[in-house]
Amino acid sequence: MRNELTINEFQTHNEIVEVYPIMKQLRTHLDVDTYLELVCEAQIKIVTNCLCTK
C-alpha cells in the first residue's frame, strides 16, 4: 500500500481564511487578523526573493 500526500498552496483571500481554523490549532496565539498579516508578509517575501534572484 502506497501512502500519498497532497500539498496545496492556498493563494486567494478566501482560501487562506478557510484554513485559519487549522492554523489556529497549531498556533493558538494567532487571531485571524494577525494570521492574515503574517501570510501577506510571507507572500511578499516570496515574491521579493523571486525577483531578486533573477
N, C-alpha and C. Protein backbone atom coordinates (compact mmCIF):
# COMPACT_ATOMS: atom_id res chain seq x y z
N MET A 1 0.84 -1.19 0.00
CA MET A 1 0.00 0.00 0.00
C MET A 1 0.89 1.25 0.00
N ARG A 2 0.57 2.18 -0.86
CA ARG A 2 1.37 3.39 -1.00
C ARG A 2 0.64 4.58 -0.38
N ASN A 3 1.32 5.28 0.51
CA ASN A 3 0.74 6.48 1.10
C ASN A 3 1.06 7.67 0.23
N GLU A 4 0.07 8.49 0.00
CA GLU A 4 0.28 9.68 -0.81
C GLU A 4 -0.07 10.92 0.00
N LEU A 5 0.66 11.97 -0.24
CA LEU A 5 0.43 13.23 0.43
C LEU A 5 0.26 14.30 -0.64
N THR A 6 -0.80 15.06 -0.52
CA THR A 6 -1.04 16.15 -1.45
C THR A 6 -0.91 17.46 -0.70
N ILE A 7 -0.12 18.36 -1.24
CA ILE A 7 0.07 19.68 -0.64
C ILE A 7 -0.48 20.71 -1.61
N ASN A 8 -1.39 21.52 -1.11
CA ASN A 8 -1.98 22.58 -1.92
C ASN A 8 -1.52 23.94 -1.41
N GLU A 9 -1.20 24.82 -2.32
CA GLU A 9 -0.85 26.19 -1.95
C GLU A 9 -2.10 27.05 -2.08
N PHE A 10 -2.51 27.62 -0.97
CA PHE A 10 -3.69 28.48 -0.98
C PHE A 10 -3.25 29.90 -1.25
N GLN A 11 -3.87 30.54 -2.22
CA GLN A 11 -3.42 31.86 -2.64
C GLN A 11 -4.47 32.95 -2.49
N THR A 12 -5.73 32.61 -2.66
CA THR A 12 -6.76 33.64 -2.58
C THR A 12 -7.09 33.94 -1.12
N HIS A 13 -7.65 35.10 -0.91
CA HIS A 13 -8.04 35.50 0.45
C HIS A 13 -8.99 34.47 1.05
N ASN A 14 -9.98 34.04 0.28
CA ASN A 14 -10.96 33.07 0.80
C ASN A 14 -10.31 31.74 1.15
N GLU A 15 -9.39 31.27 0.32
CA GLU A 15 -8.70 30.01 0.61
C GLU A 15 -7.88 30.13 1.89
N ILE A 16 -7.21 31.24 2.05
CA ILE A 16 -6.36 31.45 3.23
C ILE A 16 -7.21 31.53 4.49
N VAL A 17 -8.33 32.22 4.42
CA VAL A 17 -9.23 32.32 5.57
C VAL A 17 -9.82 30.94 5.91
N GLU A 18 -10.11 30.14 4.89
CA GLU A 18 -10.69 28.81 5.13
C GLU A 18 -9.77 27.91 5.94
N VAL A 19 -8.46 28.06 5.81
CA VAL A 19 -7.54 27.19 6.55
C VAL A 19 -7.14 27.77 7.91
N TYR A 20 -7.65 28.94 8.24
CA TYR A 20 -7.34 29.54 9.54
C TYR A 20 -7.66 28.61 10.72
N PRO A 21 -8.81 27.93 10.74
CA PRO A 21 -9.07 27.05 11.89
C PRO A 21 -7.99 26.00 12.12
N ILE A 22 -7.39 25.50 11.05
CA ILE A 22 -6.30 24.52 11.20
C ILE A 22 -5.08 25.21 11.79
N MET A 23 -4.75 26.39 11.26
CA MET A 23 -3.60 27.13 11.78
C MET A 23 -3.82 27.53 13.24
N LYS A 24 -5.05 27.82 13.61
CA LYS A 24 -5.37 28.19 15.00
C LYS A 24 -5.05 27.03 15.94
N GLN A 25 -5.25 25.81 15.47
CA GLN A 25 -4.90 24.65 16.29
C GLN A 25 -3.40 24.54 16.49
N LEU A 26 -2.64 24.92 15.46
CA LEU A 26 -1.18 24.83 15.52
C LEU A 26 -0.54 26.03 16.20
N ARG A 27 -1.13 27.20 16.00
CA ARG A 27 -0.60 28.45 16.55
C ARG A 27 -1.71 29.13 17.33
N THR A 28 -1.92 28.65 18.55
CA THR A 28 -3.08 29.06 19.35
C THR A 28 -3.09 30.55 19.69
N HIS A 29 -1.96 31.21 19.61
CA HIS A 29 -1.87 32.63 19.95
C HIS A 29 -2.33 33.55 18.82
N LEU A 30 -2.55 33.02 17.62
CA LEU A 30 -2.89 33.86 16.47
C LEU A 30 -4.39 34.08 16.35
N ASP A 31 -4.76 35.36 16.25
CA ASP A 31 -6.14 35.65 15.85
C ASP A 31 -6.15 35.76 14.33
N VAL A 32 -7.32 35.82 13.74
CA VAL A 32 -7.42 35.76 12.29
C VAL A 32 -6.72 36.95 11.63
N ASP A 33 -6.81 38.13 12.23
CA ASP A 33 -6.16 39.30 11.62
C ASP A 33 -4.64 39.18 11.63
N THR A 34 -4.08 38.71 12.72
CA THR A 34 -2.63 38.51 12.80
C THR A 34 -2.19 37.43 11.83
N TYR A 35 -2.96 36.38 11.74
CA TYR A 35 -2.68 35.30 10.79
C TYR A 35 -2.64 35.83 9.37
N LEU A 36 -3.64 36.63 8.98
CA LEU A 36 -3.68 37.17 7.63
C LEU A 36 -2.50 38.11 7.37
N GLU A 37 -2.11 38.89 8.36
CA GLU A 37 -0.95 39.77 8.21
C GLU A 37 0.32 38.95 7.97
N LEU A 38 0.50 37.89 8.72
CA LEU A 38 1.69 37.05 8.58
C LEU A 38 1.73 36.36 7.22
N VAL A 39 0.57 35.89 6.76
CA VAL A 39 0.51 35.26 5.44
C VAL A 39 0.87 36.28 4.37
N CYS A 40 0.33 37.48 4.48
CA CYS A 40 0.62 38.52 3.50
C CYS A 40 2.11 38.87 3.49
N GLU A 41 2.70 39.01 4.67
CA GLU A 41 4.14 39.29 4.76
C GLU A 41 4.96 38.17 4.11
N ALA A 42 4.56 36.94 4.36
CA ALA A 42 5.28 35.80 3.78
C ALA A 42 5.16 35.80 2.26
N GLN A 43 3.98 36.10 1.74
CA GLN A 43 3.79 36.15 0.29
C GLN A 43 4.66 37.24 -0.32
N ILE A 44 4.74 38.39 0.33
CA ILE A 44 5.58 39.49 -0.17
C ILE A 44 7.04 39.07 -0.19
N LYS A 45 7.50 38.42 0.86
CA LYS A 45 8.89 37.96 0.93
C LYS A 45 9.20 36.96 -0.18
N ILE A 46 8.26 36.08 -0.46
CA ILE A 46 8.47 35.08 -1.52
C ILE A 46 8.61 35.78 -2.86
N VAL A 47 7.73 36.72 -3.15
CA VAL A 47 7.78 37.44 -4.41
C VAL A 47 9.06 38.26 -4.50
N THR A 48 9.44 38.93 -3.42
CA THR A 48 10.65 39.75 -3.41
C THR A 48 11.88 38.88 -3.64
N ASN A 49 11.95 37.73 -2.98
CA ASN A 49 13.09 36.83 -3.17
C ASN A 49 13.14 36.32 -4.61
N CYS A 50 12.01 36.04 -5.19
CA CYS A 50 11.99 35.56 -6.58
C CYS A 50 12.50 36.65 -7.52
N LEU A 51 12.12 37.87 -7.29
CA LEU A 51 12.54 38.97 -8.15
C LEU A 51 14.04 39.26 -7.98
N CYS A 52 14.53 39.09 -6.77
CA CYS A 52 15.94 39.40 -6.51
C CYS A 52 16.88 38.33 -7.05
N THR A 53 16.40 37.13 -7.23
CA THR A 53 17.29 36.05 -7.67
C THR A 53 17.37 35.93 -9.18
N LYS A 54 16.63 36.74 -9.90
CA LYS A 54 16.65 36.66 -11.36
C LYS A 54 17.63 37.64 -11.95
